[in-house]
Protein backbone atom coordinates (compact mmCIF):
# COMPACT_ATOMS: atom_id res chain seq x y z
CA MET A 1 -63.01 62.67 -33.40
CA ASN A 2 -59.45 63.86 -32.82
CA ILE A 3 -58.09 63.34 -29.34
CA HIS A 4 -56.80 66.92 -29.23
CA SER A 5 -60.42 68.09 -29.19
CA TYR A 6 -60.32 66.98 -25.56
CA ALA A 7 -57.53 69.36 -24.62
CA TRP A 8 -59.82 72.17 -23.47
CA ARG A 9 -61.27 69.86 -20.86
CA ARG A 10 -58.11 69.72 -18.82
CA SER A 11 -59.53 72.55 -16.74
CA LEU A 12 -62.06 70.00 -15.48
CA VAL A 13 -59.45 68.00 -13.55
CA ALA A 14 -60.79 69.12 -10.18
CA LEU A 15 -64.27 68.14 -11.28
CA ALA A 16 -63.17 64.51 -11.41
CA MET A 17 -62.58 64.42 -7.70
CA GLY A 18 -66.15 65.55 -7.03
CA ALA A 19 -65.50 68.81 -5.24
CA GLY A 20 -64.47 71.18 -8.02
CA LEU A 21 -66.97 70.54 -10.80
CA ALA A 22 -68.77 73.82 -10.33
CA ALA A 23 -65.54 75.79 -10.11
CA ALA A 24 -64.36 74.37 -13.43
CA ALA A 25 -67.41 75.58 -15.33
CA CYS A 26 -68.89 78.25 -13.10
CA SER A 27 -70.13 81.51 -14.61
CA ASP A 28 -71.37 84.64 -12.87
CA ASP A 29 -74.20 84.86 -15.38
CA ASP A 30 -76.90 82.19 -15.43
CA ASP A 31 -78.69 82.36 -18.76
CA GLY A 32 -80.92 79.40 -17.89
CA PRO A 33 -84.57 79.65 -16.87
CA SER A 34 -85.16 81.46 -13.65
CA ALA A 35 -84.82 79.44 -10.51
CA ASN A 36 -87.84 81.33 -9.22
CA ASN A 37 -89.95 78.88 -11.20
CA ASN A 38 -89.58 76.41 -8.35
CA ASN A 39 -89.59 78.67 -5.33
CA ASN A 40 -90.69 77.17 -2.07
CA ASN A 41 -90.61 78.38 1.51
CA ASP A 42 -86.91 77.58 1.71
CA GLY A 43 -85.99 79.46 -1.48
CA PRO A 44 -84.88 78.02 -4.84
CA ARG A 45 -83.93 74.35 -4.85
CA ASN A 46 -80.59 73.11 -6.08
CA ILE A 47 -80.28 69.96 -8.20
CA VAL A 48 -79.88 67.60 -5.23
CA GLU A 49 -82.86 69.17 -3.45
CA LEU A 50 -84.94 68.83 -6.61
CA ALA A 51 -83.91 65.19 -7.00
CA THR A 52 -84.75 64.50 -3.36
CA ALA A 53 -88.13 66.17 -3.60
CA SER A 54 -88.86 64.26 -6.81
CA GLY A 55 -88.19 60.89 -5.20
CA LEU A 56 -84.99 60.19 -7.12
CA SER A 57 -83.53 58.60 -3.99
CA THR A 58 -81.18 56.16 -5.76
CA LEU A 59 -79.53 59.01 -7.67
CA VAL A 60 -79.18 61.09 -4.52
CA GLN A 61 -77.73 58.17 -2.57
CA ALA A 62 -75.25 57.43 -5.35
CA ALA A 63 -74.19 61.08 -5.46
CA THR A 64 -73.69 61.01 -1.70
CA ASP A 65 -71.75 57.72 -1.73
CA THR A 66 -69.39 58.96 -4.45
CA GLY A 67 -68.78 62.37 -2.90
CA LEU A 68 -70.48 64.14 -5.81
CA ALA A 69 -73.37 65.60 -3.82
CA PRO A 70 -71.47 68.84 -3.02
CA THR A 71 -70.79 69.24 -6.74
CA LEU A 72 -74.47 68.97 -7.57
CA THR A 73 -75.36 71.54 -4.92
CA GLY A 74 -72.71 74.01 -6.11
CA PRO A 75 -73.38 77.20 -8.07
CA GLY A 76 -73.28 75.57 -11.53
CA PRO A 77 -74.66 75.97 -14.09
CA LEU A 78 -75.11 72.23 -14.55
CA THR A 79 -77.41 70.08 -16.59
CA VAL A 80 -78.19 66.68 -15.11
CA PHE A 81 -79.85 63.80 -16.92
CA ALA A 82 -81.41 62.25 -13.81
CA PRO A 83 -82.40 58.55 -13.90
CA THR A 84 -85.43 57.47 -11.96
CA ASN A 85 -85.27 54.80 -9.27
CA ASP A 86 -86.87 52.38 -11.72
CA ALA A 87 -84.13 53.17 -14.24
CA PHE A 88 -81.47 52.14 -11.74
CA THR A 89 -83.47 49.04 -10.82
CA ALA A 90 -83.67 48.05 -14.49
CA LEU A 91 -79.86 47.89 -14.59
CA ASN A 92 -80.18 44.77 -12.41
CA VAL A 93 -76.95 45.73 -10.68
CA ASP A 94 -76.19 45.87 -6.96
CA LEU A 95 -74.85 49.41 -6.78
CA SER A 96 -73.32 48.71 -3.38
CA ALA A 97 -71.00 46.21 -5.10
CA VAL A 98 -69.83 48.75 -7.68
CA SER A 99 -66.71 50.66 -6.72
CA THR A 100 -67.32 54.30 -5.86
CA ASP A 101 -64.87 55.32 -8.60
CA ILE A 102 -66.93 53.57 -11.27
CA LEU A 103 -70.21 54.78 -9.80
CA ALA A 104 -68.83 58.34 -9.93
CA ASN A 105 -67.81 57.82 -13.57
CA ILE A 106 -71.36 56.67 -14.39
CA LEU A 107 -72.91 59.67 -12.64
CA LEU A 108 -70.55 62.14 -14.33
CA GLN A 109 -71.65 60.75 -17.70
CA HIS A 110 -75.09 62.20 -16.76
CA VAL A 111 -73.72 65.69 -16.05
CA ILE A 112 -73.05 68.57 -18.48
CA THR A 113 -71.09 71.51 -17.12
CA ASP A 114 -73.41 74.03 -18.74
CA ASP A 115 -77.09 74.91 -18.86
CA VAL A 116 -78.53 72.88 -21.75
CA PRO A 117 -82.29 73.28 -22.18
CA GLY A 118 -84.34 70.52 -23.75
CA SER A 119 -84.54 72.39 -27.05
CA GLU A 120 -80.76 72.27 -27.36
CA VAL A 121 -80.56 68.65 -26.28
CA THR A 122 -82.83 67.56 -29.12
CA THR A 123 -80.86 69.54 -31.70
CA SER A 124 -77.36 68.52 -30.56
CA PRO A 125 -75.84 65.40 -32.13
CA THR A 126 -73.40 65.12 -29.24
CA LEU A 127 -72.79 66.71 -25.88
CA THR A 128 -69.62 66.54 -23.79
CA THR A 129 -70.09 65.26 -20.26
CA ALA A 130 -68.27 65.93 -17.03
CA ALA A 131 -66.65 62.52 -17.52
CA ASN A 132 -64.80 64.00 -20.55
CA LEU A 133 -66.77 61.73 -22.88
CA PRO A 134 -69.13 62.45 -25.77
CA LEU A 135 -72.84 61.88 -25.18
CA VAL A 136 -74.68 60.97 -28.37
CA VAL A 137 -78.24 62.27 -28.74
CA ASP A 138 -80.67 60.53 -31.10
CA ALA A 139 -83.78 62.66 -31.57
CA SER A 140 -84.73 61.08 -34.90
CA SER A 141 -87.61 59.16 -33.37
CA THR A 142 -89.62 58.72 -30.20
CA PRO A 143 -88.50 58.18 -27.50
CA ILE A 144 -85.42 60.40 -27.71
CA LEU A 145 -82.25 58.59 -26.71
CA VAL A 146 -79.45 60.25 -24.79
CA GLY A 147 -76.33 58.12 -24.57
CA GLY A 148 -78.45 55.13 -25.58
CA ALA A 149 -80.88 55.64 -22.68
CA THR A 150 -84.46 56.89 -22.91
CA LEU A 151 -85.22 60.52 -22.12
CA SER A 152 -88.51 60.89 -20.26
CA ALA A 153 -91.21 63.49 -20.94
CA THR A 154 -90.13 65.37 -17.81
CA ILE A 155 -87.47 67.80 -18.95
CA ASP A 156 -86.36 71.35 -18.17
CA VAL A 157 -86.98 71.13 -14.45
CA VAL A 158 -85.18 74.30 -13.42
CA ALA A 159 -82.98 74.41 -10.33
CA SER A 160 -81.06 77.22 -8.67
CA ASN A 161 -77.83 75.88 -10.18
CA GLY A 162 -78.98 74.49 -13.50
CA ARG A 163 -81.66 72.16 -14.74
CA VAL A 164 -82.71 68.53 -14.67
CA HIS A 165 -83.94 66.29 -17.47
CA VAL A 166 -85.43 63.09 -16.07
CA MET A 167 -84.28 59.83 -17.66
CA ASP A 168 -86.18 56.55 -17.90
CA GLY A 169 -82.86 54.75 -18.30
CA VAL A 170 -79.35 54.95 -16.92
CA ILE A 171 -76.68 56.19 -19.34
CA VAL A 172 -73.99 53.49 -19.20
CA PRO A 173 -70.61 54.95 -20.20
CA PRO A 174 -68.43 53.17 -22.76
CA THR A 175 -65.60 50.97 -21.54
CA ILE A 176 -61.95 51.90 -22.03
CA LEU A 177 -61.75 49.50 -24.98
CA GLU A 178 -64.91 50.96 -26.52
CA VAL A 179 -63.50 54.48 -26.23
CA ALA A 180 -60.25 53.36 -27.89
CA GLY A 181 -62.19 51.66 -30.66
CA ALA A 182 -64.40 54.70 -31.29
CA LEU A 183 -61.73 57.39 -31.60
CA ALA A 184 -59.65 57.71 -34.76
CA ASP A 185 -56.44 58.61 -32.93
CA PHE A 186 -56.50 55.29 -31.06
CA SER A 187 -56.85 52.87 -33.98
CA ALA A 188 -53.35 51.46 -33.37
CA LEU A 189 -54.06 50.95 -29.67
CA ALA A 190 -57.37 49.26 -30.45
CA ALA A 191 -55.67 47.00 -33.00
CA ALA A 192 -52.88 46.17 -30.56
CA VAL A 193 -55.35 45.20 -27.85
CA GLY A 194 -57.24 43.05 -30.34
CA GLN A 195 -53.99 41.25 -31.14
CA ALA A 196 -52.97 40.81 -27.48
CA SER A 197 -53.31 37.53 -25.63
CA GLN A 198 -56.62 36.81 -23.94
CA SER A 199 -55.19 37.39 -20.48
CA VAL A 200 -54.11 40.93 -21.42
CA GLN A 201 -57.47 41.66 -23.04
CA ASP A 202 -59.23 40.42 -19.92
CA ALA A 203 -57.04 42.63 -17.72
CA LEU A 204 -57.99 45.65 -19.83
CA ALA A 205 -61.70 44.82 -19.62
CA PRO A 206 -62.60 44.37 -15.93
CA SER A 207 -66.22 43.59 -15.12
CA THR A 208 -66.64 46.67 -12.95
CA LEU A 209 -70.43 46.41 -12.60
CA THR A 210 -69.95 43.11 -10.80
CA GLY A 211 -67.37 44.47 -8.40
CA ALA A 212 -64.03 44.24 -10.22
CA ASP A 213 -61.57 47.04 -9.59
CA PRO A 214 -61.37 49.75 -12.25
CA ILE A 215 -58.11 50.33 -14.11
CA THR A 216 -56.09 53.29 -15.33
CA VAL A 217 -54.80 53.21 -18.89
CA PHE A 218 -52.14 55.54 -20.28
CA ALA A 219 -53.26 55.48 -23.90
CA PRO A 220 -50.73 56.19 -26.69
CA THR A 221 -52.00 57.89 -29.84
CA ASP A 222 -51.50 56.45 -33.30
CA ALA A 223 -48.59 58.84 -33.84
CA ALA A 224 -47.00 57.46 -30.67
CA PHE A 225 -47.11 53.90 -32.01
CA THR A 226 -45.63 55.06 -35.32
CA ALA A 227 -42.83 57.00 -33.61
CA ALA A 228 -42.00 53.96 -31.45
CA GLY A 229 -41.59 51.84 -34.58
CA ILE A 230 -44.05 49.23 -33.35
CA ASP A 231 -45.21 47.06 -36.24
CA LEU A 232 -48.13 44.87 -35.27
CA ALA A 233 -47.35 42.60 -38.22
CA THR A 234 -43.94 41.62 -36.83
CA ILE A 235 -44.00 42.20 -33.07
CA SER A 236 -43.92 39.02 -31.01
CA GLN A 237 -46.90 38.09 -28.87
CA ASN A 238 -44.84 38.26 -25.70
CA GLU A 239 -43.40 41.69 -26.49
CA LEU A 240 -46.81 43.08 -27.43
CA ASP A 241 -48.36 41.76 -24.24
CA ARG A 242 -45.69 43.20 -22.00
CA VAL A 243 -45.73 46.61 -23.75
CA LEU A 244 -49.51 46.91 -23.41
CA SER A 245 -49.38 45.75 -19.80
CA HIS A 246 -46.86 48.55 -19.07
CA HIS A 247 -49.67 51.03 -19.84
CA ALA A 248 -52.28 49.66 -17.42
CA VAL A 249 -52.62 50.12 -13.67
CA VAL A 250 -55.04 48.39 -11.33
CA GLY A 251 -57.22 51.04 -9.68
CA GLN A 252 -58.42 54.40 -10.93
CA ALA A 253 -55.68 57.02 -10.66
CA LEU A 254 -57.09 60.42 -11.58
CA SER A 255 -54.71 63.21 -12.52
CA THR A 256 -55.32 64.92 -9.19
CA SER A 257 -53.93 61.86 -7.39
CA LEU A 258 -50.60 62.01 -9.23
CA SER A 259 -47.56 63.64 -7.64
CA ASN A 260 -44.07 64.56 -8.78
CA GLY A 261 -41.64 61.68 -8.41
CA GLN A 262 -44.44 59.18 -7.77
CA THR A 263 -43.78 55.58 -8.80
CA ILE A 264 -46.77 53.78 -10.28
CA SER A 265 -46.82 50.00 -10.55
CA THR A 266 -48.32 48.90 -13.84
CA LEU A 267 -49.35 45.36 -14.72
CA ASN A 268 -45.78 44.94 -15.97
CA GLY A 269 -43.19 47.10 -14.23
CA ASP A 270 -43.05 50.62 -12.82
CA ILE A 271 -43.33 54.07 -14.34
CA THR A 272 -42.39 57.41 -12.77
CA VAL A 273 -44.54 60.53 -12.75
CA ASN A 274 -42.84 63.89 -13.37
CA ILE A 275 -44.78 67.13 -12.77
CA SER A 276 -43.39 70.59 -13.52
CA GLY A 277 -45.96 73.35 -13.44
CA THR A 278 -48.74 72.27 -15.79
CA SER A 279 -46.52 69.75 -17.59
CA VAL A 280 -46.95 66.08 -16.71
CA THR A 281 -44.64 63.42 -18.12
CA LEU A 282 -44.09 59.73 -17.50
CA THR A 283 -40.76 57.93 -17.55
CA ASP A 284 -40.75 54.22 -18.31
CA GLU A 285 -38.33 51.53 -17.15
CA SER A 286 -36.21 52.00 -20.24
CA GLY A 287 -35.65 55.69 -19.49
CA ASN A 288 -38.00 57.03 -22.18
CA THR A 289 -40.12 60.05 -21.23
CA VAL A 290 -43.56 60.72 -22.75
CA ASN A 291 -45.96 63.64 -22.34
CA VAL A 292 -49.42 63.34 -20.86
CA VAL A 293 -51.49 65.34 -23.36
CA ASP A 294 -54.97 64.78 -21.94
CA THR A 295 -56.30 63.49 -18.65
CA ASP A 296 -59.27 62.02 -16.84
CA ILE A 297 -61.42 60.47 -19.54
CA ARG A 298 -63.65 58.54 -17.15
CA THR A 299 -65.21 55.36 -18.51
CA LEU A 300 -67.19 52.39 -17.26
CA THR A 301 -64.02 50.42 -16.62
CA GLY A 302 -61.73 53.16 -15.36
CA VAL A 303 -59.88 56.27 -16.45
CA ILE A 304 -57.83 57.08 -19.57
CA HIS A 305 -54.91 59.50 -19.72
CA VAL A 306 -53.69 60.19 -23.26
CA ILE A 307 -49.92 60.12 -23.89
CA ASP A 308 -47.84 61.04 -26.92
CA GLY A 309 -45.38 58.14 -26.69
CA VAL A 310 -45.30 54.41 -26.06
CA LEU A 311 -44.01 53.26 -22.66
CA ILE A 312 -41.42 50.50 -23.05
CA PRO A 313 -40.84 48.16 -20.09
CA LYS A 314 -37.63 46.33 -19.40
CA PRO A 315 -38.00 42.61 -20.10
CA THR A 316 -37.96 40.15 -17.23
CA ILE A 317 -35.57 37.22 -17.30
CA VAL A 318 -38.42 35.06 -18.60
CA ASP A 319 -39.22 37.63 -21.30
CA ILE A 320 -35.64 37.48 -22.54
CA ALA A 321 -35.83 33.68 -22.77
CA VAL A 322 -39.18 33.82 -24.55
CA GLU A 323 -38.11 36.45 -27.06
CA ALA A 324 -34.83 34.61 -27.75
CA GLU A 325 -37.02 31.57 -28.51
CA PHE A 326 -35.29 29.41 -25.90
CA THR A 327 -38.34 27.17 -25.90
CA ALA A 328 -36.71 24.25 -24.06
CA LEU A 329 -35.68 26.53 -21.21
CA VAL A 330 -39.04 28.31 -21.09
CA ASP A 331 -40.97 25.02 -21.12
CA ALA A 332 -38.81 23.73 -18.28
CA VAL A 333 -39.34 26.90 -16.26
CA VAL A 334 -43.10 26.63 -16.72
CA ASP A 335 -43.21 22.90 -15.98
CA THR A 336 -41.33 23.39 -12.71
CA SER A 337 -43.46 26.39 -11.61
CA LEU A 338 -40.39 28.63 -11.56
CA ALA A 339 -41.78 31.14 -14.09
CA GLU A 340 -43.18 33.53 -11.50
CA THR A 341 -39.96 33.46 -9.48
CA LEU A 342 -37.81 34.21 -12.52
CA ALA A 343 -40.22 36.88 -13.78
CA ALA A 344 -40.89 38.73 -10.53
CA GLY A 345 -38.17 37.67 -8.11
CA GLY A 346 -34.55 38.60 -7.99
CA PRO A 347 -32.32 40.19 -8.82
CA PHE A 348 -30.79 37.10 -10.41
CA THR A 349 -27.98 36.24 -12.74
CA VAL A 350 -29.18 33.48 -15.07
CA PHE A 351 -26.96 31.31 -17.24
CA ALA A 352 -29.49 30.44 -19.95
CA PRO A 353 -28.92 27.32 -22.09
CA THR A 354 -29.99 27.41 -25.72
CA ASN A 355 -32.34 24.87 -27.26
CA GLN A 356 -29.32 23.13 -28.78
CA ALA A 357 -27.71 22.90 -25.35
CA PHE A 358 -30.71 20.97 -24.07
CA ALA A 359 -30.76 18.82 -27.20
CA ASP A 360 -27.10 17.94 -26.65
CA LEU A 361 -28.02 16.34 -23.31
CA GLY A 362 -29.73 13.61 -25.30
CA ALA A 363 -32.95 11.86 -24.31
CA ILE A 364 -33.57 12.69 -20.68
CA ASN A 365 -36.69 12.26 -18.58
CA PRO A 366 -36.13 13.90 -15.20
CA THR A 367 -38.91 14.40 -12.68
CA THR A 368 -40.05 17.99 -12.14
CA ASP A 369 -38.13 18.07 -8.84
CA VAL A 370 -34.88 17.13 -10.56
CA LEU A 371 -35.58 19.49 -13.46
CA ALA A 372 -36.11 22.31 -10.95
CA ASN A 373 -32.81 21.42 -9.29
CA ILE A 374 -31.06 21.60 -12.66
CA LEU A 375 -32.63 24.98 -13.50
CA LEU A 376 -31.84 26.49 -10.09
CA HIS A 377 -28.22 25.44 -10.63
CA HIS A 378 -28.23 28.01 -13.46
CA VAL A 379 -29.53 30.81 -11.22
CA VAL A 380 -27.26 32.95 -9.06
CA PRO A 381 -28.78 35.43 -6.58
CA GLY A 382 -27.58 38.96 -7.36
CA THR A 383 -26.53 40.68 -10.56
CA PHE A 384 -23.14 39.70 -11.98
CA ASP A 385 -22.15 41.08 -15.36
CA SER A 386 -19.63 39.18 -17.47
CA ALA A 387 -16.69 41.11 -15.98
CA ALA A 388 -17.77 40.18 -12.47
CA VAL A 389 -18.30 36.54 -13.48
CA VAL A 390 -14.80 36.09 -14.91
CA ALA A 391 -13.27 37.94 -11.96
CA THR A 392 -14.35 35.26 -9.49
CA SER A 393 -13.62 31.58 -9.09
CA THR A 394 -16.97 30.42 -7.71
CA LEU A 395 -20.57 31.56 -7.55
CA GLY A 396 -23.26 30.28 -5.20
CA THR A 397 -26.49 29.21 -6.89
CA ALA A 398 -30.16 29.32 -5.94
CA ALA A 399 -29.88 25.53 -5.54
CA ASN A 400 -27.46 26.11 -2.63
CA THR A 401 -24.70 24.59 -4.73
CA VAL A 402 -21.49 26.15 -6.04
CA LEU A 403 -20.49 26.88 -9.64
CA ASP A 404 -16.79 26.74 -10.48
CA ILE A 405 -15.73 29.49 -12.89
CA ASP A 406 -12.82 28.77 -15.25
CA ALA A 407 -11.89 31.88 -17.21
CA ALA A 408 -8.32 30.78 -17.96
CA GLY A 409 -9.04 29.57 -21.47
CA ALA A 410 -11.55 29.84 -24.26
CA PRO A 411 -14.37 29.20 -24.04
CA ILE A 412 -14.99 30.24 -20.45
CA THR A 413 -16.70 27.48 -18.51
CA ILE A 414 -19.34 27.84 -15.83
CA GLY A 415 -19.86 24.73 -13.74
CA GLY A 416 -18.06 22.79 -16.45
CA ALA A 417 -20.34 24.06 -19.24
CA ASP A 418 -19.36 26.43 -22.05
CA LEU A 419 -20.37 30.08 -21.81
CA SER A 420 -21.40 31.64 -25.15
CA ASP A 421 -20.46 35.05 -26.54
CA THR A 422 -23.97 36.41 -25.90
CA LEU A 423 -23.62 38.09 -22.54
CA ASN A 424 -25.02 40.87 -20.40
CA LEU A 425 -28.66 40.80 -21.51
CA MET A 426 -30.17 43.23 -19.03
CA ALA A 427 -33.52 42.39 -17.47
CA ARG A 428 -35.75 44.23 -15.03
CA ASN A 429 -34.87 41.71 -12.37
CA GLY A 430 -31.30 40.80 -13.23
CA ILE A 431 -29.03 39.79 -16.08
CA VAL A 432 -28.83 36.87 -18.52
CA HIS A 433 -25.74 35.20 -20.00
CA VAL A 434 -26.38 32.62 -22.73
CA MET A 435 -24.83 29.14 -22.33
CA ASN A 436 -23.85 26.74 -25.10
CA ASP A 437 -24.26 23.85 -22.66
CA VAL A 438 -26.55 22.87 -19.82
CA ILE A 439 -24.83 23.04 -16.45
CA VAL A 440 -25.40 19.59 -14.95
CA PRO A 441 -25.50 19.80 -11.14
CA PRO A 442 -23.37 17.50 -8.98
CA THR A 443 -24.95 14.40 -7.46
CA ILE A 444 -25.47 14.04 -3.73
CA VAL A 445 -22.27 12.00 -3.49
CA GLU A 446 -20.33 14.60 -5.49
CA VAL A 447 -21.58 17.38 -3.22
CA ALA A 448 -20.47 15.40 -0.18
CA GLN A 449 -17.09 14.68 -1.78
CA ALA A 450 -16.59 18.42 -2.44
CA THR A 451 -17.56 19.38 1.12
CA PRO A 452 -14.74 18.87 3.65
CA ASP A 453 -17.18 18.72 6.58
CA LEU A 454 -18.93 15.73 4.98
CA SER A 455 -15.83 13.61 4.27
CA ILE A 456 -16.62 10.99 6.94
CA LEU A 457 -20.09 10.52 5.41
CA VAL A 458 -18.45 9.80 2.06
CA ASP A 459 -16.04 7.34 3.66
CA ALA A 460 -18.95 5.68 5.50
CA LEU A 461 -20.93 5.27 2.27
CA ILE A 462 -17.91 3.69 0.62
CA ALA A 463 -17.32 1.41 3.61
CA ALA A 464 -20.95 0.28 3.58
CA THR A 465 -20.95 -0.02 -0.24
CA LEU A 466 -23.93 2.33 -0.41
CA VAL A 467 -22.57 4.91 -2.85
CA GLY A 468 -24.82 3.62 -5.64
CA ALA A 469 -27.86 3.66 -3.36
CA VAL A 470 -27.59 7.43 -2.92
CA ASP A 471 -26.87 8.07 -6.59
CA PRO A 472 -30.09 7.37 -8.55
CA ASP A 473 -30.04 7.88 -12.31
CA THR A 474 -32.47 10.79 -12.25
CA LEU A 475 -31.81 11.92 -15.82
CA SER A 476 -33.35 8.68 -17.02
CA GLY A 477 -36.41 9.13 -14.83
CA GLU A 478 -35.49 7.56 -11.49
CA ALA A 479 -36.97 9.39 -8.52
CA PRO A 480 -34.74 11.69 -6.47
CA ILE A 481 -34.02 11.08 -2.79
CA THR A 482 -33.59 13.10 0.39
CA VAL A 483 -30.43 12.64 2.45
CA PHE A 484 -29.94 13.93 5.99
CA ALA A 485 -26.17 14.27 5.93
CA PRO A 486 -24.31 14.24 9.29
CA LEU A 487 -21.31 16.51 9.69
CA ASN A 488 -17.91 15.00 10.49
CA SER A 489 -18.32 16.22 14.07
CA ALA A 490 -21.60 14.32 14.30
CA PHE A 491 -19.88 11.01 13.50
CA THR A 492 -17.14 11.80 16.02
CA ASN A 493 -19.66 12.71 18.74
CA ALA A 494 -21.59 9.50 18.03
CA GLY A 495 -18.42 7.48 18.55
CA ILE A 496 -18.48 5.99 15.06
CA ASP A 497 -14.98 4.93 14.04
CA LEU A 498 -14.69 3.76 10.45
CA ASN A 499 -11.50 1.90 11.33
CA ASN A 500 -13.77 -0.30 13.38
CA PRO A 501 -17.21 0.36 11.90
CA PRO A 502 -20.37 -0.81 13.67
CA ALA A 503 -22.01 -3.89 12.22
CA ASP A 504 -25.19 -1.97 11.52
CA LEU A 505 -23.42 0.92 9.67
CA ALA A 506 -25.41 0.26 6.48
CA ASP A 507 -28.70 0.38 8.40
CA ILE A 508 -27.64 3.60 10.16
CA LEU A 509 -26.85 5.21 6.82
CA ARG A 510 -30.12 4.00 5.22
CA TYR A 511 -31.91 5.55 8.19
CA HIS A 512 -30.66 8.92 6.90
CA VAL A 513 -32.26 8.49 3.46
CA VAL A 514 -35.90 9.16 2.50
CA ALA A 515 -37.38 8.29 -0.89
CA GLY A 516 -38.47 11.33 -2.87
CA GLN A 517 -37.31 14.93 -2.59
CA ALA A 518 -38.51 16.59 0.62
CA LEU A 519 -37.50 20.25 0.71
CA SER A 520 -37.60 22.11 4.01
CA SER A 521 -40.74 23.90 2.79
CA ASP A 522 -42.42 20.48 2.43
CA LEU A 523 -41.85 19.56 6.09
CA PHE A 524 -44.29 20.29 8.89
CA ASP A 525 -44.32 19.94 12.64
CA GLY A 526 -45.18 16.41 13.78
CA GLN A 527 -44.69 14.92 10.32
CA MET A 528 -43.50 11.29 10.28
CA LEU A 529 -40.98 10.39 7.59
CA THR A 530 -40.36 6.80 6.58
CA THR A 531 -36.72 6.13 5.82
CA VAL A 532 -35.23 3.70 3.31
CA GLU A 533 -34.13 1.58 6.31
CA GLY A 534 -37.82 1.19 7.23
CA GLY A 535 -37.80 3.22 10.41
CA THR A 536 -39.42 6.60 11.04
CA LEU A 537 -38.27 10.13 11.82
CA GLU A 538 -40.43 12.78 13.42
CA VAL A 539 -40.13 16.35 12.16
CA SER A 540 -40.12 19.15 14.72
CA ILE A 541 -40.48 22.78 13.62
CA GLY A 542 -39.51 25.44 16.16
CA THR A 543 -41.33 28.73 16.62
CA ASP A 544 -38.38 30.39 14.89
CA GLY A 545 -38.74 28.08 11.88
CA SER A 546 -35.77 25.91 12.82
CA ILE A 547 -36.05 22.25 11.85
CA SER A 548 -35.11 19.25 13.98
CA LEU A 549 -35.53 15.49 13.59
CA ILE A 550 -36.42 13.12 16.40
CA ASP A 551 -35.11 9.62 15.80
CA GLU A 552 -36.38 6.31 17.21
CA GLN A 553 -34.01 6.66 20.18
CA SER A 554 -35.63 10.06 21.00
CA ASN A 555 -32.48 11.94 20.02
CA VAL A 556 -33.20 15.46 18.75
CA ILE A 557 -30.95 16.31 15.81
CA SER A 558 -30.91 19.83 14.31
CA VAL A 559 -30.86 20.59 10.60
CA ALA A 560 -27.86 22.87 10.24
CA SER A 561 -28.07 23.62 6.51
CA PRO A 562 -31.19 22.70 4.51
CA ASP A 563 -32.05 22.41 0.82
CA ILE A 564 -28.84 21.69 -1.05
CA ARG A 565 -30.49 20.72 -4.34
CA THR A 566 -28.46 18.30 -6.45
CA LEU A 567 -28.92 16.19 -9.56
CA THR A 568 -29.99 13.21 -7.47
CA GLY A 569 -32.09 14.93 -4.84
CA VAL A 570 -31.84 17.21 -1.84
CA VAL A 571 -29.36 17.22 1.03
CA HIS A 572 -30.08 18.56 4.50
CA VAL A 573 -26.92 18.81 6.59
CA ILE A 574 -27.52 17.77 10.23
CA ASP A 575 -25.43 18.12 13.39
CA GLY A 576 -25.92 14.58 14.71
CA VAL A 577 -26.19 10.97 13.65
CA LEU A 578 -29.75 9.56 13.59
CA SER A 579 -30.16 6.25 15.42
CA PRO A 580 -32.77 3.69 14.34
């Protein structure tokens, strides 16, 4: 079956919304049997009245719930294959849990927008339903099957707007994947889905009869795949998955719900709808425009719109790393739970080390906290192309640290690491520059040394011979630490003079250190932290989210700048000295 055989059905668009079915197929002449055959005191009965009088209450309720009842009471002519209550019961499905979109799709698979007497049903190999789907008739034996369901002996019940054939079974429409697999023009799409990862296949096959949301699929023809140059023998798994996901939308979006300039969020990026007269096109993230050549094929799992091109999404930052086979970087991103942030967040500028760059670090065994700190030191909020990078001297990272840029020589260095020649890889959520080296973040002590407002802390650590204590060897596997770092003004206000240091200076400094990395997001109101000195600190979270610490002398010290993530742990800058 060629997909272009569906083109004549575009006039049935209004039908899909439930109110315009009759208008799409209405004729002034009704060649069906006379409605006078079922006259009663109220005049001829329409299809809904017939179904009600015949006790087909489940069908009538479903038509009401889906907004299709007015369609079935319209002028017609319509032919309805009407399941009995027992037929619906035999489905063993709670219809109240099925979305009204899917229930409407099921009902429309029982409706023909013409008067089809029983004699024509039994001699027709296929019929086309109001759902824009073929309905296969098998009259080769008894009972006769219509769409795989049993036709009862009660047929040709004539109504004022058509006729009813009673069904002993419910006609269950094919799924989107079954439709793609059955039509010749979608063999490439069917093959692509079969080659996709399980998560993509699952997304394209929702269990709608158990309550899952339907989906909308913009389905490229075989010619579209050929024109796009997509070779299923060579395309990477990641690229195939993201291309297919760019064609699927959660929820059923019928053509009548689309509007000019509308942005639709697919499972992987956005597409834009363009409507001009009767022409409907879609523009993908890469700027390609494709034509919608057929609409509103309504299936068990959602709706299909046929398109004559393949929609190509922009890659995310993670996609670029995956497709460049930067496995060390990708594994680290996954291990530290940063994949979602780098795929959906942003915009970011990412300095992406190659596999060799990681190998050049040698044998390292950092904790996930430290590994996350290292990775975030390669991430800069905002989009900076290579020209913008070399035009500045520093960039602030997502680790709340600073990268020094040295563009005076060759190669250019970022944070002391060599920048490669592979630059300006554009992503949906930012830009990627490839690095020949891993940018190793500064330690806590190095951050303090580079921060003028923390110079007294550095001097105090030296005076108390505690520099090594706040400099764990995290690359070899030692655990990171948390340091609450007092500003210079805090030491001054506390009356601490390093020319005449207090005898308990070492204990005071240890009271500012907690084992393990405690980010601000890890802290909660009333939490008690045990310091390296052995004392405790109480965390206080204000209604505005501000963080304070209450020391053992009941002093309340505010956190002025949280979450500076270093190679050796996290620093929270505070505006007072904590007293044990």
